[in-house]
Structure formats: C-alpha cells, structure tokens
Amino acid sequence: MRILLVEDDAPLSDAVCGYLRAKSFVVDAADGLASARAALAGAHYAAVLLDLHLGDGDGLSLMPTLRGLVDRPLIIVLTARDQVSDRIRGLDAGADDYLVKPYDPGELLARLRAIERRRGGGDTPVLRLGALEIDLARDLVRKDGALVVLTAKEWALLRVMASRPDRIHTREALQDALYGFDSATDSNTLEVFISRLRRKLGREHIQTLRGLGYRLSHALEEAG
C-alpha cells in the first residue's frame, strides 16, 4: 500500500512516515496543498492521510480531486482534539474515517486495515496458492505451514500483487509501490526482488507476462 501523508507538522510527519515504512508501507509526505496536488498527479495512492489545517489552505479543498480519481484512495482526515466540527466536515465531504491528534501510529495502522476490510466487504482474506498462504491482515506468509521470512520491500511487493491477484501489474506500478519519490533505483532492481520472491515462494507463483508485467498465478484462491 502506498500512502500519501499530507501534514505540515514536520516532527509528526517524520514519526508517522518512519512507523509506516517500518511496517512495509511506501509513504510519501506532502507539507501542504501544492505539494499534495503534485504528488497526486504523479503517483497512485491506496490511502491519503489528510490534515485539515495546512499552511497554504484547507485540506478539504483536496476532496474533489480525491473523489474524482478513478481508483479513489482511502481517506482519513487528521483533526485537532477540540475540533468536532472538522470531523463532521471531513466525513460529510467524503472521508472514510478520522483520527484525533495526537494519535498513536498503531491506531492509524488499525484504522487503515479496518477501512480496507470494510471496502472489501468483510475480513481481509487469507489467500492460498497451493501450499502457499498469504495473510494480508497479519502480514504473514507461510509455505507448507512454515513461516516465510520476507524483507520489508519483498513484502511490499507481494502485498501489492496479493491485494489484487486478478490484475496484471506493470513494471512501473510495482516500482512505484516499492519506492518513494526520493529513492534511487536502477533498471533491474524490480527483477532482483521478483527473483528473490520466486526463490522464497516458488517460481510458479509469480507469472511474467511479456510486455505487460507480473501477476500471481491465476490459481490463487481465497481460503475458506
């Protein structure tokens, strides 16, 4: 999941970004409306964490742009403790949830997962591919019942493909999911991570569609 944090409190932004990156999320930070709009124009985000009181305007002015995206991100508004009216405005404008500052990063993570489950119509599924099980809710992968240890970037890559197993993921989309704007990559970095995942999970579980991209095997099924 790639997340855009729109927050002009630099220490808070750094803390939240660090926490989510440690949990294998890719996070871009914007400190105002202008930088947020530039980020939204250049990348796809699964979620936007939106502070309402920004130095260059009202965060809610971004809502029409967010609602107009073809694949609309989850939207969580960030509000001050005493601003009940802000929470109401945010939800009425189309936000999925809100968090009151100061908030615990663990609660933010739980809120993101809860919204994901609601949008999916139920619990986050455990995906099964033969002897392979991918538990998106708990960030766990097992093969033949044994835990598979993945690095943060390996898990970030697998999460993207497992979240939408029926989709062909282009190289550009997967690279975008792996790295933030400030991360330098070379031309074969994605192939290195795909190769590592195949060694750990089984080569047959990740298909290469020449000229199109990658996807998990079409045999992927939801566990009962």
C-alpha atoms as a PDB file:
ATOM      1  CA  MET A   1       0.000   0.000   0.000  1.00  0.00           C
ATOM      2  CA  ARG A   2       1.366   3.385  -1.000  1.00  0.00           C
ATOM      3  CA  ILE A   3       0.238   6.211   1.263  1.00  0.00           C
ATOM      4  CA  LEU A   4       0.300   9.971   0.930  1.00  0.00           C
ATOM      5  CA  LEU A   5       0.589  11.839   4.229  1.00  0.00           C
ATOM      6  CA  VAL A   6      -0.478  15.496   3.941  1.00  0.00           C
ATOM      7  CA  GLU A   7       0.819  17.037   7.161  1.00  0.00           C
ATOM      8  CA  ASP A   8       2.654  20.304   7.828  1.00  0.00           C
ATOM      9  CA  ASP A   9       3.868  19.339  11.314  1.00  0.00           C
ATOM     10  CA  ALA A  10       7.350  18.129  10.350  1.00  0.00           C
ATOM     11  CA  PRO A  11       8.170  16.093  13.518  1.00  0.00           C
ATOM     12  CA  LEU A  12       4.784  14.339  13.394  1.00  0.00           C
ATOM     13  CA  SER A  13       5.138  13.687   9.676  1.00  0.00           C
ATOM     14  CA  ASP A  14       8.594  12.173  10.155  1.00  0.00           C
ATOM     15  CA  ALA A  15       7.382   9.954  13.007  1.00  0.00           C
ATOM     16  CA  VAL A  16       4.341   8.642  11.135  1.00  0.00           C
ATOM     17  CA  CYS A  17       6.316   8.054   7.934  1.00  0.00           C
ATOM     18  CA  GLY A  18       9.010   6.165   9.844  1.00  0.00           C
ATOM     19  CA  TYR A  19       6.466   3.954  11.599  1.00  0.00           C
ATOM     20  CA  LEU A  20       4.538   3.055   8.446  1.00  0.00           C
ATOM     21  CA  ARG A  21       7.701   2.410   6.432  1.00  0.00           C
ATOM     22  CA  ALA A  22       8.845   0.017   9.145  1.00  0.00           C
ATOM     23  CA  LYS A  23       5.539  -1.801   8.563  1.00  0.00           C
ATOM     24  CA  SER A  24       6.392  -2.245   4.853  1.00  0.00           C
ATOM     25  CA  PHE A  25       4.269   0.637   3.540  1.00  0.00           C
ATOM     26  CA  VAL A  26       5.580   3.097   0.979  1.00  0.00           C
ATOM     27  CA  VAL A  27       4.885   6.612   2.239  1.00  0.00           C
ATOM     28  CA  ASP A  28       5.240   9.984   0.523  1.00  0.00           C
ATOM     29  CA  ALA A  29       4.943  13.138   2.614  1.00  0.00           C
ATOM     30  CA  ALA A  30       3.454  16.437   1.473  1.00  0.00           C
ATOM     31  CA  ASP A  31       3.606  19.520   3.693  1.00  0.00           C
ATOM     32  CA  GLY A  32       0.781  21.436   2.013  1.00  0.00           C
ATOM     33  CA  LEU A  33      -1.848  21.582  -0.707  1.00  0.00           C
ATOM     34  CA  ALA A  34       0.568  22.394  -3.520  1.00  0.00           C
ATOM     35  CA  SER A  35       2.909  19.503  -2.814  1.00  0.00           C
ATOM     36  CA  ALA A  36      -0.067  17.167  -2.251  1.00  0.00           C
ATOM     37  CA  ARG A  37      -1.521  18.014  -5.655  1.00  0.00           C
ATOM     38  CA  ALA A  38       1.865  17.444  -7.282  1.00  0.00           C
ATOM     39  CA  ALA A  39       2.145  14.052  -5.573  1.00  0.00           C
ATOM     40  CA  LEU A  40      -1.369  13.012  -6.623  1.00  0.00           C
ATOM     41  CA  ALA A  41      -0.597  13.961 -10.212  1.00  0.00           C
ATOM     42  CA  GLY A  42       2.491  11.763 -10.265  1.00  0.00           C
ATOM     43  CA  ALA A  43       1.525   8.579  -8.412  1.00  0.00           C
ATOM     44  CA  HIS A  44      -1.347   6.309  -7.407  1.00  0.00           C
ATOM     45  CA  TYR A  45      -2.112   6.081  -3.690  1.00  0.00           C
ATOM     46  CA  ALA A  46      -4.135   3.483  -1.842  1.00  0.00           C
ATOM     47  CA  ALA A  47      -4.675   5.871   1.076  1.00  0.00           C
ATOM     48  CA  VAL A  48      -4.378   9.579   1.868  1.00  0.00           C
ATOM     49  CA  LEU A  49      -3.917  10.866   5.416  1.00  0.00           C
ATOM     50  CA  LEU A  50      -5.139  14.434   5.264  1.00  0.00           C
ATOM     51  CA  ASP A  51      -4.520  17.173   7.818  1.00  0.00           C
ATOM     52  CA  LEU A  52      -7.248  19.805   7.523  1.00  0.00           C
ATOM     53  CA  HIS A  53      -5.321  22.826   8.781  1.00  0.00           C
ATOM     54  CA  LEU A  54      -2.404  23.369   6.407  1.00  0.00           C
ATOM     55  CA  GLY A  55      -0.199  26.376   5.981  1.00  0.00           C
ATOM     56  CA  ASP A  56      -1.442  27.057   2.439  1.00  0.00           C
ATOM     57  CA  GLY A  57      -5.145  26.317   2.911  1.00  0.00           C
ATOM     58  CA  ASP A  58      -7.923  23.972   3.996  1.00  0.00           C
ATOM     59  CA  GLY A  59      -7.140  20.294   3.459  1.00  0.00           C
ATOM     60  CA  LEU A  60     -10.747  19.665   2.462  1.00  0.00           C
ATOM     61  CA  SER A  61     -10.114  21.567  -0.768  1.00  0.00           C
ATOM     62  CA  LEU A  62      -8.363  18.382  -1.944  1.00  0.00           C
ATOM     63  CA  MET A  63     -11.502  16.282  -1.567  1.00  0.00           C
ATOM     64  CA  PRO A  64     -12.953  16.967  -5.060  1.00  0.00           C
ATOM     65  CA  THR A  65      -9.649  15.866  -6.595  1.00  0.00           C
ATOM     66  CA  LEU A  66      -9.522  12.728  -4.449  1.00  0.00           C
ATOM     67  CA  ARG A  67     -13.144  11.796  -5.121  1.00  0.00           C
ATOM     68  CA  GLY A  68     -12.595  12.277  -8.843  1.00  0.00           C
ATOM     69  CA  LEU A  69      -9.810   9.697  -9.114  1.00  0.00           C
ATOM     70  CA  VAL A  70     -10.741   6.534 -10.999  1.00  0.00           C
ATOM     71  CA  ASP A  71      -9.425   4.348  -8.191  1.00  0.00           C
ATOM     72  CA  ARG A  72     -10.265   6.541  -5.199  1.00  0.00           C
ATOM     73  CA  PRO A  73      -7.913   6.159  -2.234  1.00  0.00           C
ATOM     74  CA  LEU A  74      -8.960   5.598   1.345  1.00  0.00           C
ATOM     75  CA  ILE A  75      -9.159   8.994   3.036  1.00  0.00           C
ATOM     76  CA  ILE A  76      -8.509   9.566   6.734  1.00  0.00           C
ATOM     77  CA  VAL A  77      -8.727  13.155   7.962  1.00  0.00           C
ATOM     78  CA  LEU A  78      -6.490  14.288  10.816  1.00  0.00           C
ATOM     79  CA  THR A  79      -8.060  16.749  13.240  1.00  0.00           C
ATOM     80  CA  ALA A  80      -7.300  18.554  16.486  1.00  0.00           C
ATOM     81  CA  ARG A  81      -8.900  17.169  19.635  1.00  0.00           C
ATOM     82  CA  ASP A  82     -11.251  20.119  20.153  1.00  0.00           C
ATOM     83  CA  GLN A  83     -12.393  20.485  16.546  1.00  0.00           C
ATOM     84  CA  VAL A  84     -15.526  18.324  16.399  1.00  0.00           C
ATOM     85  CA  SER A  85     -16.776  20.455  13.516  1.00  0.00           C
ATOM     86  CA  ASP A  86     -13.710  19.431  11.476  1.00  0.00           C
ATOM     87  CA  ARG A  87     -14.526  15.766  11.915  1.00  0.00           C
ATOM     88  CA  ILE A  88     -18.088  16.352  10.759  1.00  0.00           C
ATOM     89  CA  ARG A  89     -16.911  18.408   7.770  1.00  0.00           C
ATOM     90  CA  GLY A  90     -14.410  15.751   6.780  1.00  0.00           C
ATOM     91  CA  LEU A  91     -16.877  12.871   6.931  1.00  0.00           C
ATOM     92  CA  ASP A  92     -19.571  14.869   5.151  1.00  0.00           C
ATOM     93  CA  ALA A  93     -17.068  15.699   2.408  1.00  0.00           C
ATOM     94  CA  GLY A  94     -16.434  12.005   1.755  1.00  0.00           C
ATOM     95  CA  ALA A  95     -13.639  10.938   4.111  1.00  0.00           C
ATOM     96  CA  ASP A  96     -13.694   7.295   5.210  1.00  0.00           C
ATOM     97  CA  ASP A  97     -12.585   7.953   8.781  1.00  0.00           C
ATOM     98  CA  TYR A  98     -10.822  10.446  11.031  1.00  0.00           C
ATOM     99  CA  LEU A  99      -8.118  10.460  13.684  1.00  0.00           C
ATOM    100  CA  VAL A 100      -7.807  12.954  16.523  1.00  0.00           C
ATOM    101  CA  LYS A 101      -4.361  14.403  17.239  1.00  0.00           C
ATOM    102  CA  PRO A 102      -2.256  13.349  18.998  1.00  0.00           C
ATOM    103  CA  TYR A 103      -2.819   9.799  17.770  1.00  0.00           C
ATOM    104  CA  ASP A 104      -0.919   6.564  18.215  1.00  0.00           C
ATOM    105  CA  PRO A 105       0.605   5.220  14.961  1.00  0.00           C
ATOM    106  CA  GLY A 106      -0.660   1.770  15.915  1.00  0.00           C
ATOM    107  CA  GLU A 107      -4.220   3.106  15.894  1.00  0.00           C
ATOM    108  CA  LEU A 108      -3.614   4.620  12.470  1.00  0.00           C
ATOM    109  CA  LEU A 109      -2.470   1.239  11.182  1.00  0.00           C
ATOM    110  CA  ALA A 110      -5.567  -0.428  12.653  1.00  0.00           C
ATOM    111  CA  ARG A 111      -7.841   2.192  11.059  1.00  0.00           C
ATOM    112  CA  LEU A 112      -6.234   1.654   7.632  1.00  0.00           C
ATOM    113  CA  ARG A 113      -6.780  -2.087   7.877  1.00  0.00           C
ATOM    114  CA  ALA A 114     -10.353  -1.696   9.133  1.00  0.00           C
ATOM    115  CA  ILE A 115     -11.260   0.559   6.192  1.00  0.00           C
ATOM    116  CA  GLU A 116      -9.635  -1.913   3.809  1.00  0.00           C
ATOM    117  CA  ARG A 117     -11.758  -4.709   5.260  1.00  0.00           C
ATOM    118  CA  ARG A 118     -14.967  -2.674   5.019  1.00  0.00           C
ATOM    119  CA  ARG A 119     -14.280  -1.785   1.410  1.00  0.00           C
ATOM    120  CA  GLY A 120     -13.597  -5.412   0.630  1.00  0.00           C
ATOM    121  CA  GLY A 121     -16.942  -6.435   2.113  1.00  0.00           C
ATOM    122  CA  GLY A 122     -15.615  -8.352   5.088  1.00  0.00           C
ATOM    123  CA  ASP A 123     -12.488  -9.666   6.708  1.00  0.00           C
ATOM    124  CA  THR A 124      -9.170  -9.300   4.944  1.00  0.00           C
ATOM    125  CA  PRO A 125      -8.774 -12.655   3.184  1.00  0.00           C
ATOM    126  CA  VAL A 126      -6.103 -15.253   3.575  1.00  0.00           C
ATOM    127  CA  LEU A 127      -5.032 -16.059   0.041  1.00  0.00           C
ATOM    128  CA  ARG A 128      -3.981 -19.575  -0.844  1.00  0.00           C
ATOM    129  CA  LEU A 129      -1.842 -20.660  -3.766  1.00  0.00           C
ATOM    130  CA  GLY A 130      -1.243 -24.363  -3.430  1.00  0.00           C
ATOM    131  CA  ALA A 131       0.930 -24.808  -0.342  1.00  0.00           C
ATOM    132  CA  LEU A 132       1.397 -21.029  -0.075  1.00  0.00           C
ATOM    133  CA  GLU A 133      -0.769 -18.863   2.220  1.00  0.00           C
ATOM    134  CA  ILE A 134      -0.671 -15.056   2.272  1.00  0.00           C
ATOM    135  CA  ASP A 135      -2.320 -13.403   5.273  1.00  0.00           C
ATOM    136  CA  LEU A 136      -2.735  -9.727   4.393  1.00  0.00           C
ATOM    137  CA  ALA A 137      -4.261  -8.790   7.752  1.00  0.00           C
ATOM    138  CA  ARG A 138      -1.316 -10.086   9.778  1.00  0.00           C
ATOM    139  CA  ASP A 139       1.484  -9.546   7.222  1.00  0.00           C
ATOM    140  CA  LEU A 140       2.363 -13.233   7.245  1.00  0.00           C
ATOM    141  CA  VAL A 141       3.317 -15.688   4.514  1.00  0.00           C
ATOM    142  CA  ARG A 142       3.512 -19.440   5.025  1.00  0.00           C
ATOM    143  CA  LYS A 143       4.688 -22.179   2.708  1.00  0.00           C
ATOM    144  CA  ASP A 144       3.785 -25.763   3.641  1.00  0.00           C
ATOM    145  CA  GLY A 145       2.809 -24.374   7.032  1.00  0.00           C
ATOM    146  CA  ALA A 146       6.240 -22.848   7.697  1.00  0.00           C
ATOM    147  CA  LEU A 147       6.684 -19.090   8.077  1.00  0.00           C
ATOM    148  CA  VAL A 148       8.451 -17.431   5.140  1.00  0.00           C
ATOM    149  CA  VAL A 149      10.661 -14.533   6.200  1.00  0.00           C
ATOM    150  CA  LEU A 150      10.473 -11.590   3.810  1.00  0.00           C
ATOM    151  CA  THR A 151      12.272  -8.274   3.840  1.00  0.00           C
ATOM    152  CA  ALA A 152      10.181  -5.096   4.036  1.00  0.00           C
ATOM    153  CA  LYS A 153      10.467  -4.446   0.303  1.00  0.00           C
ATOM    154  CA  GLU A 154       9.759  -8.065  -0.619  1.00  0.00           C
ATOM    155  CA  TRP A 155       6.604  -7.926   1.484  1.00  0.00           C
ATOM    156  CA  ALA A 156       5.603  -4.545  -0.003  1.00  0.00           C
ATOM    157  CA  LEU A 157       5.886  -6.031  -3.489  1.00  0.00           C
ATOM    158  CA  LEU A 158       3.949  -9.177  -2.570  1.00  0.00           C
ATOM    159  CA  ARG A 159       1.227  -7.165  -0.812  1.00  0.00           C
ATOM    160  CA  VAL A 160       0.533  -5.187  -3.991  1.00  0.00           C
ATOM    161  CA  MET A 161       0.141  -8.324  -6.092  1.00  0.00           C
ATOM    162  CA  ALA A 162      -1.819 -10.268  -3.454  1.00  0.00           C
ATOM    163  CA  SER A 163      -4.235  -7.403  -2.806  1.00  0.00           C
ATOM    164  CA  ARG A 164      -5.363  -7.634  -6.435  1.00  0.00           C
ATOM    165  CA  PRO A 165      -4.387 -11.108  -7.599  1.00  0.00           C
ATOM    166  CA  ASP A 166      -6.518 -10.946 -10.746  1.00  0.00           C
ATOM    167  CA  ARG A 167      -4.689  -7.889 -12.053  1.00  0.00           C
ATOM    168  CA  ILE A 168      -1.604  -7.717 -14.254  1.00  0.00           C
ATOM    169  CA  HIS A 169       0.772  -5.309 -12.518  1.00  0.00           C
ATOM    170  CA  THR A 170       3.042  -3.293 -14.788  1.00  0.00           C
ATOM    171  CA  ARG A 171       6.705  -2.791 -14.001  1.00  0.00           C
ATOM    172  CA  GLU A 172       6.039   0.890 -13.442  1.00  0.00           C
ATOM    173  CA  ALA A 173       3.228   0.215 -10.962  1.00  0.00           C
ATOM    174  CA  LEU A 174       5.310  -2.256  -8.971  1.00  0.00           C
ATOM    175  CA  GLN A 175       8.317   0.056  -8.894  1.00  0.00           C
ATOM    176  CA  ASP A 176       6.009   2.848  -7.764  1.00  0.00           C
ATOM    177  CA  ALA A 177       4.761   0.631  -4.946  1.00  0.00           C
ATOM    178  CA  LEU A 178       8.289  -0.235  -3.836  1.00  0.00           C
ATOM    179  CA  TYR A 179       9.832   3.194  -3.685  1.00  0.00           C
ATOM    180  CA  GLY A 180       9.037   6.742  -2.653  1.00  0.00           C
ATOM    181  CA  PHE A 181       9.932   9.754  -4.753  1.00  0.00           C
ATOM    182  CA  ASP A 182      13.349  10.154  -3.156  1.00  0.00           C
ATOM    183  CA  SER A 183      14.536   6.577  -3.660  1.00  0.00           C
ATOM    184  CA  ALA A 184      17.001   5.955  -6.452  1.00  0.00           C
ATOM    185  CA  THR A 185      16.613   2.721  -8.394  1.00  0.00           C
ATOM    186  CA  ASP A 186      18.400   1.161 -11.329  1.00  0.00           C
ATOM    187  CA  SER A 187      16.753  -0.557 -14.261  1.00  0.00           C
ATOM    188  CA  ASN A 188      16.924  -4.119 -12.926  1.00  0.00           C
ATOM    189  CA  THR A 189      16.007  -3.540  -9.265  1.00  0.00           C
ATOM    190  CA  LEU A 190      12.438  -4.844  -9.664  1.00  0.00           C
ATOM    191  CA  GLU A 191      13.659  -8.022 -11.353  1.00  0.00           C
ATOM    192  CA  VAL A 192      16.008  -8.620  -8.407  1.00  0.00           C
ATOM    193  CA  PHE A 193      13.094  -8.507  -5.942  1.00  0.00           C
ATOM    194  CA  ILE A 194      10.887 -10.665  -8.192  1.00  0.00           C
ATOM    195  CA  SER A 195      13.710 -13.213  -8.350  1.00  0.00           C
ATOM    196  CA  ARG A 196      14.078 -13.203  -4.548  1.00  0.00           C
ATOM    197  CA  LEU A 197      10.339 -13.713  -4.075  1.00  0.00           C
ATOM    198  CA  ARG A 198      10.349 -16.611  -6.535  1.00  0.00           C
ATOM    199  CA  ARG A 199      13.182 -18.294  -4.640  1.00  0.00           C
ATOM    200  CA  LYS A 200      11.312 -17.967  -1.341  1.00  0.00           C
ATOM    201  CA  LEU A 201       7.761 -18.653  -2.520  1.00  0.00           C
ATOM    202  CA  GLY A 202       8.213 -20.861  -5.555  1.00  0.00           C
ATOM    203  CA  ARG A 203       8.877 -19.771  -9.113  1.00  0.00           C
ATOM    204  CA  GLU A 204       5.472 -20.958 -10.305  1.00  0.00           C
ATOM    205  CA  HIS A 205       3.609 -18.490  -8.095  1.00  0.00           C
ATOM    206  CA  ILE A 206       4.657 -15.321  -9.953  1.00  0.00           C
ATOM    207  CA  GLN A 207       3.921 -15.148 -13.656  1.00  0.00           C
ATOM    208  CA  THR A 208       5.745 -12.934 -16.127  1.00  0.00           C
ATOM    209  CA  LEU A 209       3.532 -11.675 -18.948  1.00  0.00           C
ATOM    210  CA  ARG A 210       5.967 -10.465 -21.556  1.00  0.00           C
ATOM    211  CA  GLY A 211       5.479  -6.828 -22.429  1.00  0.00           C
ATOM    212  CA  LEU A 212       2.726  -6.453 -19.813  1.00  0.00           C
ATOM    213  CA  GLY A 213       4.093  -7.113 -16.324  1.00  0.00           C
ATOM    214  CA  TYR A 214       3.644  -9.601 -13.494  1.00  0.00           C
ATOM    215  CA  ARG A 215       0.842 -11.224 -11.539  1.00  0.00           C
ATOM    216  CA  LEU A 216       0.292 -14.011  -9.069  1.00  0.00           C
ATOM    217  CA  SER A 217      -0.804 -17.295 -10.563  1.00  0.00           C
ATOM    218  CA  HIS A 218      -4.429 -17.274 -11.746  1.00  0.00           C
ATOM    219  CA  ALA A 219      -4.939 -20.320  -9.491  1.00  0.00           C
ATOM    220  CA  LEU A 220      -4.852 -18.067  -6.437  1.00  0.00           C
ATOM    221  CA  GLU A 221      -7.952 -18.664  -4.346  1.00  0.00           C
ATOM    222  CA  GLU A 222      -9.452 -17.272  -1.196  1.00  0.00           C
ATOM    223  CA  ALA A 223      -9.172 -19.541   1.795  1.00  0.00           C
ATOM    224  CA  GLY A 224     -12.493 -20.734   3.251  1.00  0.00           C
END
